[in-house]
Amino acid sequence: MKPIEFSKDDKAALIARIQHHFDSELDQPIGLLKAELVLDFFAREVGAAYYRQGIDDAQAALARRIDDFSDDVYQMQRDATD
């Protein structure tokens, strides 16, 4: 999997959210560098799992739509021969 890259603005917003979470939920304020390291770690180590799950979900949704389409085509064929 290619590395997850964020735009400069998105990365800054995510880092701010990490800092806020550490401060408000863990009562542990962290600086910009530590928050960036946390973001990089999760993007690298955990992001792939979420990415794979998203791909699996998309593939399942597409398979359901293809099945529905096949059913519709079959029904049109039956209607055309009746």
Protein backbone atom coordinates (compact mmCIF):
# COMPACT_ATOMS: atom_id res chain seq x y z
CA MET A 1 0.00 0.00 0.00
CA LYS A 2 1.31 3.41 -0.84
CA PRO A 3 1.86 5.70 2.16
CA ILE A 4 -1.07 7.87 3.22
CA GLU A 5 -0.36 11.51 2.48
CA PHE A 6 -2.37 14.45 3.72
CA SER A 7 -2.51 17.97 2.36
CA LYS A 8 -0.75 20.58 4.49
CA ASP A 9 -4.08 21.94 5.74
CA ASP A 10 -5.52 18.49 6.48
CA LYS A 11 -2.38 17.46 8.33
CA ALA A 12 -2.45 20.63 10.43
CA ALA A 13 -6.12 20.05 11.29
CA LEU A 14 -5.47 16.42 12.24
CA ILE A 15 -2.51 17.37 14.40
CA ALA A 16 -4.65 19.96 16.18
CA ARG A 17 -7.32 17.32 16.79
CA ILE A 18 -4.71 14.92 18.21
CA GLN A 19 -3.39 17.63 20.51
CA HIS A 20 -6.93 18.44 21.65
CA HIS A 21 -7.68 14.74 22.29
CA PHE A 22 -4.55 14.21 24.35
CA ASP A 23 -5.25 17.35 26.36
CA SER A 24 -8.98 16.89 26.95
CA GLU A 25 -9.30 13.10 27.17
CA LEU A 26 -5.95 12.08 28.63
CA ASP A 27 -5.11 15.27 30.52
CA GLN A 28 -1.74 15.08 28.78
CA PRO A 29 -0.92 18.10 26.64
CA ILE A 30 1.48 17.30 23.81
CA GLY A 31 3.38 19.52 21.46
CA LEU A 32 3.26 19.79 17.72
CA LEU A 33 6.12 17.35 17.08
CA LYS A 34 4.70 14.59 19.29
CA ALA A 35 1.24 15.03 17.77
CA GLU A 36 2.77 14.76 14.29
CA LEU A 37 4.60 11.57 15.32
CA VAL A 38 1.32 10.11 16.60
CA LEU A 39 -0.39 10.98 13.31
CA ASP A 40 2.44 9.46 11.26
CA PHE A 41 2.37 6.29 13.37
CA PHE A 42 -1.37 5.80 12.98
CA ALA A 43 -1.30 6.64 9.28
CA ARG A 44 1.47 4.10 8.75
CA GLU A 45 0.47 1.32 11.14
CA VAL A 46 -3.30 1.56 11.52
CA GLY A 47 -4.30 3.32 8.32
CA ALA A 48 -3.70 0.21 6.23
CA ALA A 49 -6.25 -1.78 8.25
CA TYR A 50 -8.91 0.90 7.76
CA TYR A 51 -8.01 1.15 4.08
CA ARG A 52 -8.36 -2.62 3.59
CA GLN A 53 -11.71 -2.61 5.39
CA GLY A 54 -12.91 0.24 3.18
CA ILE A 55 -11.85 -1.67 0.05
CA ASP A 56 -13.61 -4.82 1.32
CA ASP A 57 -16.77 -2.82 2.03
CA ALA A 58 -16.69 -1.20 -1.41
CA GLN A 59 -16.16 -4.56 -3.09
CA ALA A 60 -19.12 -6.08 -1.22
CA ALA A 61 -21.34 -3.12 -2.13
CA LEU A 62 -20.35 -3.41 -5.78
CA ALA A 63 -21.01 -7.17 -5.77
CA ARG A 64 -24.53 -6.55 -4.39
CA ARG A 65 -25.21 -3.99 -7.12
CA ILE A 66 -23.95 -6.35 -9.82
CA ASP A 67 -26.25 -9.08 -8.46
CA ASP A 68 -29.19 -6.65 -8.50
CA PHE A 69 -28.31 -5.62 -12.06
CA SER A 70 -28.12 -9.26 -13.15
CA ASP A 71 -31.53 -9.90 -11.61
CA ASP A 72 -32.96 -6.87 -13.45
CA VAL A 73 -31.51 -8.03 -16.78
CA TYR A 74 -32.89 -11.52 -16.24
CA GLN A 75 -36.33 -10.08 -15.47
CA MET A 76 -36.22 -7.93 -18.65
CA GLN A 77 -35.31 -11.01 -20.68
CA ARG A 78 -38.24 -12.92 -19.21
CA ASP A 79 -40.60 -10.01 -19.85
CA ALA A 80 -39.42 -9.78 -23.47
CA THR A 81 -40.17 -13.46 -24.12
CA ASP A 82 -43.60 -13.47 -22.45
